[in-house]
Amino acid sequence: MSFPEIMIVRYYESWIIDITYSDNWSKENKNLIEERLERQQEEDKHLETYGIFYKWENICSEEER
């Protein structure tokens, strides 16, 4: 099974309203995603907040727990 590098989750209150993915790990793409989400949050009142999750970030092995 192949998992995407970046997962973007859009929320309204406690509801997930949209999930999108990207495999472009470049700094330019990360900045573009953040800018687009900030602009969308200002324009779209249904987007209350969002989360950007990067593959393998904040993952630890069993030994590190």
Protein backbone atom coordinates (compact mmCIF):
# COMPACT_ATOMS: atom_id res chain seq x y z
CA MET A 1 0.00 0.00 0.00
CA SER A 2 1.35 3.43 -0.93
CA PHE A 3 0.67 6.41 1.32
CA PRO A 4 0.92 10.04 0.16
CA GLU A 5 3.71 12.27 1.42
CA ILE A 6 1.40 15.08 2.56
CA MET A 7 -2.23 14.95 3.73
CA ILE A 8 -4.27 18.15 3.99
CA VAL A 9 -7.42 18.02 6.15
CA ARG A 10 -9.98 20.84 6.15
CA TYR A 11 -12.35 21.19 9.12
CA TYR A 12 -15.54 23.04 9.96
CA GLU A 13 -16.12 22.92 13.70
CA SER A 14 -15.29 19.29 14.55
CA TRP A 15 -16.29 17.95 11.11
CA ILE A 16 -13.82 16.97 8.41
CA ILE A 17 -15.08 18.60 5.24
CA ASP A 18 -12.31 17.65 2.82
CA ILE A 19 -9.11 15.63 2.60
CA THR A 20 -6.57 16.11 -0.19
CA TYR A 21 -3.13 14.66 -0.79
CA SER A 22 0.16 15.66 -2.37
CA ASP A 23 3.34 13.74 -3.10
CA ASN A 24 5.40 16.86 -3.79
CA TRP A 25 7.69 17.25 -0.77
CA SER A 26 9.42 20.42 -2.05
CA LYS A 27 9.67 23.56 0.08
CA GLU A 28 7.91 25.52 -2.68
CA ASN A 29 4.94 23.15 -2.63
CA LYS A 30 4.69 23.26 1.18
CA ASN A 31 4.61 27.07 1.06
CA LEU A 32 2.04 27.02 -1.75
CA ILE A 33 -0.22 24.67 0.23
CA GLU A 34 -0.05 26.91 3.32
CA GLU A 35 -0.72 30.09 1.32
CA ARG A 36 -3.64 28.48 -0.51
CA LEU A 37 -5.20 27.25 2.75
CA GLU A 38 -4.83 30.63 4.45
CA ARG A 39 -6.45 32.37 1.48
CA GLN A 40 -9.22 29.77 1.35
CA GLN A 41 -9.85 30.19 5.08
CA GLU A 42 -10.32 33.94 4.62
CA GLU A 43 -12.63 33.54 1.61
CA ASP A 44 -14.63 30.45 2.60
CA LYS A 45 -16.56 30.69 5.86
CA HIS A 46 -17.06 26.90 5.83
CA LEU A 47 -13.33 26.35 6.34
CA GLU A 48 -12.80 26.99 10.02
CA THR A 49 -9.37 25.38 10.35
CA TYR A 50 -7.05 22.94 8.63
CA GLY A 51 -4.27 20.48 9.36
CA ILE A 52 -1.25 19.58 7.26
CA PHE A 53 0.26 16.20 8.06
CA TYR A 54 3.63 15.15 6.65
CA LYS A 55 4.46 11.48 6.18
CA TRP A 56 6.66 10.08 8.94
CA GLU A 57 6.65 13.35 10.91
CA ASN A 58 6.19 12.77 14.65
CA ILE A 59 6.39 9.00 14.19
CA CYS A 60 8.51 7.11 16.70
CA SER A 61 9.42 3.48 17.01
CA GLU A 62 8.17 1.23 19.79
CA GLU A 63 11.59 1.46 21.48
CA GLU A 64 11.30 5.27 21.74
CA ARG A 65 7.94 5.20 23.50
